[in-house]
Amino acid sequence: MSVHKYVVKGPNGKEYGPVDLVTLQEWVKQGRVAHDSKVRNLGNGMMLQASNMPELDGFFPGLYYQQNSAMASGAIHGKPSNGMEHWEDYKFAITMSVLGIILSFAIAWFSLIFCFFGVRRALEAARDQKPLSGLAVTIAILSFLAAAAIPFMMGAWVLRVIRGS
């Protein structure tokens, strides 16, 4: 079983190490490696943020520790986190959520077309006095009303969220 070695990249671009996992964990405890320090695993070549490394799971329990370690003397890391570096993490989720809302409006309005043709066909069947045409008209009209109500309800919800009510 091979022992992985790690290299920590400081904010000045200088690399520290290679060190074994025990030493790396000691550096974290001493505040020499912050949650946002870049660490390369020489075993697999991956470079990750220290707080995202499974090997250091539990070593960065909260922002208080992260801010204090970022101010420690002799630290290998940079300035304390202001939370903005995580924007990239959320950009995809926000984009997909907004697209989902937009598409749900489009699909809801598109469904009105199907419901319209359903109502039209049901009314033709009722005019020709075909069996179960009354049931078909009822179901078609209720479906049309439900399909029409969904985009309006969603629009009202979006406006309420935007206005903060």
N, C-alpha and C. Protein backbone atom coordinates (compact mmCIF):
# COMPACT_ATOMS: atom_id res chain seq x y z
N MET A 1 0.85 -1.19 0.00
CA MET A 1 0.00 0.00 0.00
C MET A 1 0.89 1.24 0.00
N SER A 2 0.67 2.11 -0.99
CA SER A 2 1.52 3.29 -1.09
C SER A 2 0.98 4.41 -0.22
N VAL A 3 1.90 5.20 0.32
CA VAL A 3 1.54 6.34 1.13
C VAL A 3 1.56 7.57 0.24
N HIS A 4 0.44 8.27 0.20
CA HIS A 4 0.35 9.45 -0.64
C HIS A 4 1.11 10.60 -0.01
N LYS A 5 1.68 11.40 -0.87
CA LYS A 5 2.36 12.62 -0.45
C LYS A 5 1.55 13.79 -0.99
N TYR A 6 1.64 14.92 -0.30
CA TYR A 6 0.84 16.09 -0.64
C TYR A 6 1.74 17.32 -0.73
N VAL A 7 1.36 18.23 -1.64
CA VAL A 7 2.05 19.50 -1.79
C VAL A 7 1.00 20.59 -1.64
N VAL A 8 1.29 21.59 -0.78
CA VAL A 8 0.39 22.70 -0.52
C VAL A 8 0.90 23.91 -1.29
N LYS A 9 0.00 24.54 -2.05
CA LYS A 9 0.37 25.74 -2.81
C LYS A 9 -0.05 26.96 -2.01
N GLY A 10 0.93 27.81 -1.70
CA GLY A 10 0.67 29.03 -0.94
C GLY A 10 0.12 30.12 -1.82
N PRO A 11 -0.40 31.20 -1.22
CA PRO A 11 -0.97 32.31 -2.00
C PRO A 11 0.09 33.02 -2.84
N ASN A 12 1.35 32.85 -2.46
CA ASN A 12 2.45 33.47 -3.21
C ASN A 12 2.89 32.59 -4.38
N GLY A 13 2.22 31.43 -4.57
CA GLY A 13 2.56 30.52 -5.65
C GLY A 13 3.61 29.50 -5.27
N LYS A 14 4.24 29.67 -4.13
CA LYS A 14 5.28 28.73 -3.69
C LYS A 14 4.62 27.45 -3.18
N GLU A 15 5.26 26.31 -3.47
CA GLU A 15 4.73 25.02 -3.03
C GLU A 15 5.50 24.54 -1.81
N TYR A 16 4.77 23.95 -0.86
CA TYR A 16 5.34 23.44 0.39
C TYR A 16 5.11 21.94 0.43
N GLY A 17 6.15 21.19 0.68
CA GLY A 17 6.05 19.74 0.73
C GLY A 17 7.06 19.14 -0.20
N PRO A 18 6.93 17.92 -0.53
CA PRO A 18 5.82 17.00 -0.22
C PRO A 18 5.86 16.52 1.24
N VAL A 19 4.65 16.30 1.76
CA VAL A 19 4.49 15.79 3.12
C VAL A 19 3.49 14.65 3.10
N ASP A 20 3.54 13.83 4.14
CA ASP A 20 2.56 12.75 4.26
C ASP A 20 1.26 13.29 4.84
N LEU A 21 0.25 12.43 4.89
CA LEU A 21 -1.08 12.86 5.35
C LEU A 21 -1.05 13.34 6.79
N VAL A 22 -0.32 12.66 7.66
CA VAL A 22 -0.26 13.05 9.07
C VAL A 22 0.30 14.46 9.22
N THR A 23 1.35 14.76 8.46
CA THR A 23 1.95 16.10 8.52
C THR A 23 0.98 17.13 7.96
N LEU A 24 0.31 16.80 6.87
CA LEU A 24 -0.67 17.72 6.29
C LEU A 24 -1.77 18.03 7.30
N GLN A 25 -2.26 17.00 7.97
CA GLN A 25 -3.30 17.21 8.97
C GLN A 25 -2.79 18.05 10.14
N GLU A 26 -1.54 17.88 10.52
CA GLU A 26 -0.94 18.71 11.57
C GLU A 26 -0.87 20.17 11.11
N TRP A 27 -0.50 20.39 9.85
CA TRP A 27 -0.45 21.75 9.33
C TRP A 27 -1.82 22.41 9.39
N VAL A 28 -2.86 21.63 9.10
CA VAL A 28 -4.22 22.16 9.19
C VAL A 28 -4.53 22.54 10.63
N LYS A 29 -4.23 21.66 11.57
CA LYS A 29 -4.49 21.93 12.99
C LYS A 29 -3.72 23.15 13.48
N GLN A 30 -2.51 23.36 12.94
CA GLN A 30 -1.67 24.49 13.34
C GLN A 30 -2.10 25.79 12.66
N GLY A 31 -2.99 25.70 11.69
CA GLY A 31 -3.44 26.89 10.98
C GLY A 31 -2.53 27.26 9.82
N ARG A 32 -1.63 26.40 9.45
CA ARG A 32 -0.72 26.67 8.33
C ARG A 32 -1.38 26.39 6.99
N VAL A 33 -2.46 25.61 7.00
CA VAL A 33 -3.23 25.31 5.79
C VAL A 33 -4.68 25.69 6.09
N ALA A 34 -5.23 26.57 5.26
CA ALA A 34 -6.61 27.03 5.44
C ALA A 34 -7.55 26.21 4.57
N HIS A 35 -8.84 26.43 4.80
CA HIS A 35 -9.86 25.70 4.03
C HIS A 35 -9.75 25.96 2.54
N ASP A 36 -9.25 27.15 2.15
CA ASP A 36 -9.18 27.49 0.74
C ASP A 36 -7.79 27.28 0.14
N SER A 37 -6.88 26.68 0.88
CA SER A 37 -5.56 26.36 0.35
C SER A 37 -5.68 25.27 -0.71
N LYS A 38 -4.88 25.38 -1.75
CA LYS A 38 -4.86 24.36 -2.80
C LYS A 38 -3.85 23.29 -2.40
N VAL A 39 -4.29 22.02 -2.46
CA VAL A 39 -3.43 20.89 -2.07
C VAL A 39 -3.44 19.88 -3.20
N ARG A 40 -2.25 19.48 -3.63
CA ARG A 40 -2.12 18.48 -4.70
C ARG A 40 -1.72 17.15 -4.09
N ASN A 41 -2.47 16.12 -4.43
CA ASN A 41 -2.17 14.75 -4.03
C ASN A 41 -1.21 14.19 -5.08
N LEU A 42 0.02 13.93 -4.70
CA LEU A 42 1.00 13.44 -5.67
C LEU A 42 0.69 12.02 -6.12
N GLY A 43 -0.11 11.30 -5.37
CA GLY A 43 -0.48 9.93 -5.73
C GLY A 43 -1.39 9.86 -6.95
N ASN A 44 -2.35 10.78 -7.01
CA ASN A 44 -3.28 10.77 -8.14
C ASN A 44 -3.20 12.03 -8.99
N GLY A 45 -2.40 13.01 -8.58
CA GLY A 45 -2.21 14.23 -9.35
C GLY A 45 -3.29 15.27 -9.19
N MET A 46 -4.33 14.98 -8.41
CA MET A 46 -5.44 15.92 -8.26
C MET A 46 -5.07 17.06 -7.32
N MET A 47 -5.50 18.28 -7.70
CA MET A 47 -5.34 19.44 -6.83
C MET A 47 -6.73 19.90 -6.42
N LEU A 48 -6.95 19.95 -5.13
CA LEU A 48 -8.25 20.34 -4.59
C LEU A 48 -8.08 21.42 -3.54
N GLN A 49 -9.17 22.11 -3.27
CA GLN A 49 -9.22 23.00 -2.13
C GLN A 49 -9.19 22.11 -0.89
N ALA A 50 -8.44 22.51 0.12
CA ALA A 50 -8.24 21.65 1.30
C ALA A 50 -9.57 21.21 1.92
N SER A 51 -10.54 22.10 1.99
CA SER A 51 -11.83 21.73 2.61
C SER A 51 -12.63 20.74 1.78
N ASN A 52 -12.24 20.52 0.51
CA ASN A 52 -12.93 19.56 -0.35
C ASN A 52 -12.23 18.20 -0.40
N MET A 53 -11.17 18.06 0.35
CA MET A 53 -10.41 16.80 0.33
C MET A 53 -11.01 15.80 1.32
N PRO A 54 -11.34 14.60 0.87
CA PRO A 54 -11.86 13.59 1.79
C PRO A 54 -10.89 13.29 2.93
N GLU A 55 -9.58 13.40 2.66
CA GLU A 55 -8.57 13.11 3.67
C GLU A 55 -8.61 14.12 4.82
N LEU A 56 -9.19 15.30 4.56
CA LEU A 56 -9.25 16.35 5.58
C LEU A 56 -10.68 16.61 6.04
N ASP A 57 -11.55 15.66 5.78
CA ASP A 57 -12.94 15.79 6.19
C ASP A 57 -13.02 15.97 7.70
N GLY A 58 -13.72 17.00 8.14
CA GLY A 58 -13.88 17.27 9.56
C GLY A 58 -12.83 18.19 10.14
N PHE A 59 -11.83 18.56 9.34
CA PHE A 59 -10.78 19.44 9.85
C PHE A 59 -11.14 20.92 9.71
N PHE A 60 -12.21 21.23 8.99
CA PHE A 60 -12.64 22.61 8.81
C PHE A 60 -14.10 22.71 9.25
N PRO A 61 -14.36 22.65 10.55
CA PRO A 61 -15.74 22.55 11.03
C PRO A 61 -16.58 23.80 10.87
N GLY A 62 -15.98 24.98 10.82
CA GLY A 62 -16.82 26.17 10.71
C GLY A 62 -16.04 27.40 10.31
N LEU A 63 -16.76 28.45 10.03
CA LEU A 63 -16.16 29.69 9.57
C LEU A 63 -15.26 30.30 10.64
N TYR A 64 -15.61 30.14 11.91
CA TYR A 64 -14.79 30.72 12.98
C TYR A 64 -13.37 30.19 12.90
N TYR A 65 -13.24 28.90 12.76
CA TYR A 65 -11.90 28.30 12.66
C TYR A 65 -11.20 28.77 11.39
N GLN A 66 -11.94 28.84 10.30
CA GLN A 66 -11.35 29.24 9.02
C GLN A 66 -10.83 30.67 9.09
N GLN A 67 -11.60 31.58 9.69
CA GLN A 67 -11.16 32.96 9.77
C GLN A 67 -9.96 33.10 10.69
N ASN A 68 -9.98 32.37 11.82
CA ASN A 68 -8.85 32.45 12.74
C ASN A 68 -7.60 31.85 12.13
N SER A 69 -7.74 30.73 11.41
CA SER A 69 -6.57 30.11 10.81
C SER A 69 -6.00 30.97 9.70
N ALA A 70 -6.85 31.74 9.04
CA ALA A 70 -6.39 32.61 7.97
C ALA A 70 -5.57 33.77 8.51
N MET A 71 -5.72 34.07 9.79
CA MET A 71 -4.97 35.17 10.39
C MET A 71 -3.75 34.69 11.15
N ALA A 72 -3.56 33.37 11.22
CA ALA A 72 -2.45 32.82 11.99
C ALA A 72 -1.12 33.22 11.37
N SER A 73 -0.13 33.42 12.20
CA SER A 73 1.19 33.78 11.68
C SER A 73 1.86 32.57 11.05
N GLY A 74 2.60 32.82 10.00
CA GLY A 74 3.30 31.74 9.32
C GLY A 74 2.39 30.87 8.49
N ALA A 75 1.18 31.34 8.20
CA ALA A 75 0.22 30.52 7.46
C ALA A 75 0.63 30.41 6.00
N ILE A 76 0.28 29.28 5.39
CA ILE A 76 0.58 29.02 3.98
C ILE A 76 -0.52 29.56 3.10
N HIS A 77 -1.65 29.90 3.67
CA HIS A 77 -2.84 30.27 2.91
C HIS A 77 -2.98 31.77 2.76
N GLY A 78 -4.04 32.17 2.09
CA GLY A 78 -4.30 33.58 1.84
C GLY A 78 -5.25 34.18 2.85
N LYS A 79 -5.95 35.22 2.40
CA LYS A 79 -6.84 35.97 3.28
C LYS A 79 -8.11 35.19 3.61
N PRO A 80 -8.82 35.60 4.67
CA PRO A 80 -10.05 34.89 5.05
C PRO A 80 -11.09 34.95 3.94
N SER A 81 -11.93 33.96 3.96
CA SER A 81 -12.97 33.85 2.94
C SER A 81 -14.07 34.87 3.21
N ASN A 82 -14.57 35.50 2.13
CA ASN A 82 -15.74 36.36 2.25
C ASN A 82 -16.97 35.68 1.67
N GLY A 83 -16.81 34.43 1.22
CA GLY A 83 -17.91 33.65 0.68
C GLY A 83 -18.12 33.81 -0.81
N MET A 84 -17.51 34.82 -1.43
CA MET A 84 -17.74 35.07 -2.85
C MET A 84 -17.06 34.04 -3.74
N GLU A 85 -16.01 33.38 -3.27
CA GLU A 85 -15.34 32.40 -4.11
C GLU A 85 -16.22 31.18 -4.38
N HIS A 86 -17.31 31.05 -3.65
CA HIS A 86 -18.20 29.91 -3.86
C HIS A 86 -19.28 30.21 -4.90
N TRP A 87 -19.24 31.41 -5.52
CA TRP A 87 -20.23 31.77 -6.52
C TRP A 87 -20.26 30.74 -7.64
N GLU A 88 -19.09 30.26 -8.07
CA GLU A 88 -19.02 29.27 -9.14
C GLU A 88 -19.79 28.01 -8.77
N ASP A 89 -19.78 27.66 -7.49
CA ASP A 89 -20.49 26.46 -7.04
C ASP A 89 -22.00 26.59 -7.25
N TYR A 90 -22.51 27.80 -7.16
CA TYR A 90 -23.95 28.00 -7.21
C TYR A 90 -24.45 28.43 -8.59
N LYS A 91 -23.54 28.88 -9.45
CA LYS A 91 -23.95 29.43 -10.74
C LYS A 91 -24.76 28.42 -11.56
N PHE A 92 -24.33 27.18 -11.60
CA PHE A 92 -25.04 26.16 -12.37
C PHE A 92 -26.43 25.92 -11.79
N ALA A 93 -26.53 25.79 -10.47
CA ALA A 93 -27.82 25.54 -9.83
C ALA A 93 -28.79 26.69 -10.08
N ILE A 94 -28.32 27.91 -9.98
CA ILE A 94 -29.18 29.07 -10.21
C ILE A 94 -29.62 29.11 -11.67
N THR A 95 -28.69 28.89 -12.59
CA THR A 95 -29.02 28.90 -14.02
C THR A 95 -30.07 27.85 -14.35
N MET A 96 -29.88 26.63 -13.85
CA MET A 96 -30.83 25.57 -14.14
C MET A 96 -32.20 25.85 -13.52
N SER A 97 -32.22 26.43 -12.35
CA SER A 97 -33.49 26.75 -11.70
C SER A 97 -34.26 27.80 -12.48
N VAL A 98 -33.57 28.85 -12.92
CA VAL A 98 -34.23 29.90 -13.71
C VAL A 98 -34.73 29.33 -15.03
N LEU A 99 -33.90 28.52 -15.69
CA LEU A 99 -34.34 27.89 -16.94
C LEU A 99 -35.55 26.99 -16.70
N GLY A 100 -35.56 26.30 -15.58
CA GLY A 100 -36.70 25.45 -15.25
C GLY A 100 -37.99 26.24 -15.12
N ILE A 101 -37.90 27.40 -14.48
CA ILE A 101 -39.10 28.25 -14.34
C ILE A 101 -39.54 28.74 -15.71
N ILE A 102 -38.60 29.21 -16.52
CA ILE A 102 -38.94 29.72 -17.85
C ILE A 102 -39.57 28.62 -18.70
N LEU A 103 -38.95 27.43 -18.69
CA LEU A 103 -39.50 26.34 -19.48
C LEU A 103 -40.86 25.87 -18.97
N SER A 104 -41.05 25.93 -17.66
CA SER A 104 -42.36 25.51 -17.14
C SER A 104 -43.46 26.44 -17.63
N PHE A 105 -43.14 27.76 -17.75
CA PHE A 105 -44.12 28.67 -18.33
C PHE A 105 -44.39 28.29 -19.78
N ALA A 106 -43.33 28.05 -20.54
CA ALA A 106 -43.48 27.72 -21.96
C ALA A 106 -44.27 26.42 -22.12
N ILE A 107 -43.94 25.42 -21.34
CA ILE A 107 -44.63 24.13 -21.45
C ILE A 107 -46.08 24.25 -21.00
N ALA A 108 -46.32 25.03 -19.95
CA ALA A 108 -47.69 25.22 -19.48
C ALA A 108 -48.53 25.90 -20.56
N TRP A 109 -47.98 26.92 -21.20
CA TRP A 109 -48.73 27.59 -22.27
C TRP A 109 -48.89 26.67 -23.47
N PHE A 110 -47.87 25.87 -23.76
CA PHE A 110 -47.95 24.93 -24.86
C PHE A 110 -49.04 23.89 -24.60
N SER A 111 -49.20 23.51 -23.34
CA SER A 111 -50.23 22.52 -23.02
C SER A 111 -51.64 23.07 -23.28
N LEU A 112 -51.79 24.39 -23.26
CA LEU A 112 -53.09 24.97 -23.58
C LEU A 112 -53.52 24.64 -25.01
N ILE A 113 -52.56 24.53 -25.91
CA ILE A 113 -52.88 24.18 -27.29
C ILE A 113 -53.53 22.80 -27.35
N PHE A 114 -52.92 21.84 -26.63
CA PHE A 114 -53.48 20.49 -26.61
C PHE A 114 -54.87 20.50 -25.97
N CYS A 115 -55.00 21.22 -24.88
CA CYS A 115 -56.30 21.28 -24.20
C CYS A 115 -57.36 21.94 -25.10
N PHE A 116 -56.95 22.98 -25.82
CA PHE A 116 -57.88 23.65 -26.74
C PHE A 116 -58.42 22.68 -27.78
N PHE A 117 -57.53 21.90 -28.39
CA PHE A 117 -57.98 20.93 -29.39
C PHE A 117 -58.84 19.83 -28.75
N GLY A 118 -58.53 19.49 -27.51
CA GLY A 118 -59.35 18.52 -26.80
C GLY A 118 -60.75 19.04 -26.56
N VAL A 119 -60.87 20.29 -26.13
CA VAL A 119 -62.18 20.90 -25.91
C VAL A 119 -62.94 20.99 -27.23
N ARG A 120 -62.26 21.42 -28.27
CA ARG A 120 -62.90 21.54 -29.58
C ARG A 120 -63.46 20.20 -30.05
N ARG A 121 -62.66 19.14 -29.93
CA ARG A 121 -63.10 17.81 -30.37
C ARG A 121 -64.25 17.31 -29.49
N ALA A 122 -64.18 17.58 -28.18
CA ALA A 122 -65.25 17.15 -27.28
C ALA A 122 -66.56 17.86 -27.61
N LEU A 123 -66.47 19.15 -27.92
CA LEU A 123 -67.69 19.90 -28.29
C LEU A 123 -68.27 19.40 -29.62
N GLU A 124 -67.41 19.02 -30.55
CA GLU A 124 -67.90 18.43 -31.81
C GLU A 124 -68.62 17.12 -31.54
N ALA A 125 -68.04 16.32 -30.62
CA ALA A 125 -68.67 15.04 -30.27
C ALA A 125 -70.02 15.28 -29.60
N ALA A 126 -70.08 16.31 -28.75
CA ALA A 126 -71.35 16.63 -28.08
C ALA A 126 -72.38 17.12 -29.10
N ARG A 127 -71.95 17.93 -30.07
CA ARG A 127 -72.86 18.43 -31.11
C ARG A 127 -73.45 17.28 -31.92
N ASP A 128 -72.59 16.25 -32.15
CA ASP A 128 -73.04 15.07 -32.91
C ASP A 128 -73.73 14.05 -32.01
N GLN A 129 -73.89 14.37 -30.73
CA GLN A 129 -74.56 13.53 -29.73
C GLN A 129 -73.95 12.14 -29.65
N LYS A 130 -72.63 12.09 -29.62
CA LYS A 130 -71.93 10.81 -29.47
C LYS A 130 -71.94 10.40 -28.00
N PRO A 131 -71.83 9.08 -27.74
CA PRO A 131 -71.86 8.61 -26.36
C PRO A 131 -70.67 9.16 -25.56
N LEU A 132 -70.90 9.44 -24.31
CA LEU A 132 -69.91 9.95 -23.36
C LEU A 132 -69.35 11.32 -23.75
N SER A 133 -70.01 12.01 -24.66
CA SER A 133 -69.50 13.32 -25.07
C SER A 133 -69.59 14.33 -23.93
N GLY A 134 -70.59 14.20 -23.07
CA GLY A 134 -70.71 15.11 -21.91
C GLY A 134 -69.53 14.97 -20.98
N LEU A 135 -69.12 13.72 -20.73
CA LEU A 135 -67.95 13.47 -19.88
C LEU A 135 -66.69 14.02 -20.54
N ALA A 136 -66.59 13.83 -21.85
CA ALA A 136 -65.42 14.32 -22.58
C ALA A 136 -65.34 15.84 -22.52
N VAL A 137 -66.47 16.52 -22.66
CA VAL A 137 -66.50 17.98 -22.59
C VAL A 137 -66.08 18.45 -21.19
N THR A 138 -66.63 17.80 -20.17
CA THR A 138 -66.31 18.18 -18.79
C THR A 138 -64.81 18.02 -18.51
N ILE A 139 -64.27 16.87 -18.86
CA ILE A 139 -62.84 16.62 -18.63
C ILE A 139 -61.98 17.60 -19.44
N ALA A 140 -62.35 17.84 -20.69
CA ALA A 140 -61.57 18.73 -21.54
C ALA A 140 -61.57 20.16 -21.00
N ILE A 141 -62.73 20.63 -20.56
CA ILE A 141 -62.81 22.01 -20.04
C ILE A 141 -62.05 22.14 -18.73
N LEU A 142 -62.20 21.15 -17.84
CA LEU A 142 -61.45 21.20 -16.57
C LEU A 142 -59.93 21.15 -16.82
N SER A 143 -59.50 20.34 -17.78
CA SER A 143 -58.08 20.27 -18.13
C SER A 143 -57.60 21.61 -18.67
N PHE A 144 -58.39 22.23 -19.51
CA PHE A 144 -58.03 23.53 -20.08
C PHE A 144 -57.90 24.58 -18.97
N LEU A 145 -58.87 24.59 -18.05
CA LEU A 145 -58.82 25.56 -16.94
C LEU A 145 -57.60 25.33 -16.05
N ALA A 146 -57.31 24.06 -15.77
CA ALA A 146 -56.14 23.75 -14.94
C ALA A 146 -54.85 24.17 -15.65
N ALA A 147 -54.76 23.87 -16.95
CA ALA A 147 -53.56 24.23 -17.71
C ALA A 147 -53.41 25.75 -17.79
N ALA A 148 -54.51 26.47 -17.86
CA ALA A 148 -54.46 27.93 -17.91
C ALA A 148 -54.10 28.52 -16.55
N ALA A 149 -54.52 27.87 -15.48
CA ALA A 149 -54.27 28.40 -14.13
C ALA A 149 -52.81 28.24 -13.70
N ILE A 150 -52.16 27.18 -14.15
CA ILE A 150 -50.79 26.90 -13.71
C ILE A 150 -49.83 28.05 -14.00
N PRO A 151 -49.74 28.58 -15.24
CA PRO A 151 -48.79 29.67 -15.46
C PRO A 151 -49.14 30.94 -14.67
N PHE A 152 -50.44 31.18 -14.47
CA PHE A 152 -50.82 32.36 -13.69
C PHE A 152 -50.43 32.18 -12.22
N MET A 153 -50.64 31.00 -11.68
CA MET A 153 -50.24 30.75 -10.29
C MET A 153 -48.72 30.83 -10.14
N MET A 154 -48.00 30.28 -11.10
CA MET A 154 -46.54 30.35 -11.04
C MET A 154 -46.06 31.79 -11.17
N GLY A 155 -46.68 32.55 -12.05
CA GLY A 155 -46.32 33.96 -12.20
C GLY A 155 -46.55 34.73 -10.93
N ALA A 156 -47.69 34.48 -10.28
CA ALA A 156 -47.98 35.15 -9.01
C ALA A 156 -46.96 34.76 -7.94
N TRP A 157 -46.57 33.49 -7.92
CA TRP A 157 -45.57 33.03 -6.95
C TRP A 157 -44.21 33.68 -7.21
N VAL A 158 -43.80 33.75 -8.49
CA VAL A 158 -42.52 34.37 -8.83
C VAL A 158 -42.52 35.84 -8.42
N LEU A 159 -43.60 36.56 -8.71
CA LEU A 159 -43.68 37.96 -8.32
C LEU A 159 -43.62 38.14 -6.81
N ARG A 160 -44.29 37.25 -6.08
CA ARG A 160 -44.27 37.31 -4.62
C ARG A 160 -42.86 37.08 -4.10
N VAL A 161 -42.12 36.13 -4.70
CA VAL A 161 -40.75 35.86 -4.29
C VAL A 161 -39.85 37.06 -4.59
N ILE A 162 -40.02 37.64 -5.78
CA ILE A 162 -39.20 38.79 -6.18
C ILE A 162 -39.46 39.98 -5.27
N ARG A 163 -40.71 40.19 -4.94
CA ARG A 163 -41.05 41.35 -4.08
C ARG A 163 -40.76 41.07 -2.61
N GLY A 164 -40.50 39.82 -2.25
CA GLY A 164 -40.16 39.47 -0.88
C GLY A 164 -41.33 39.41 0.07
N SER A 165 -42.54 39.20 -0.45
CA SER A 165 -43.72 39.13 0.41
C SER A 165 -43.84 37.79 1.05
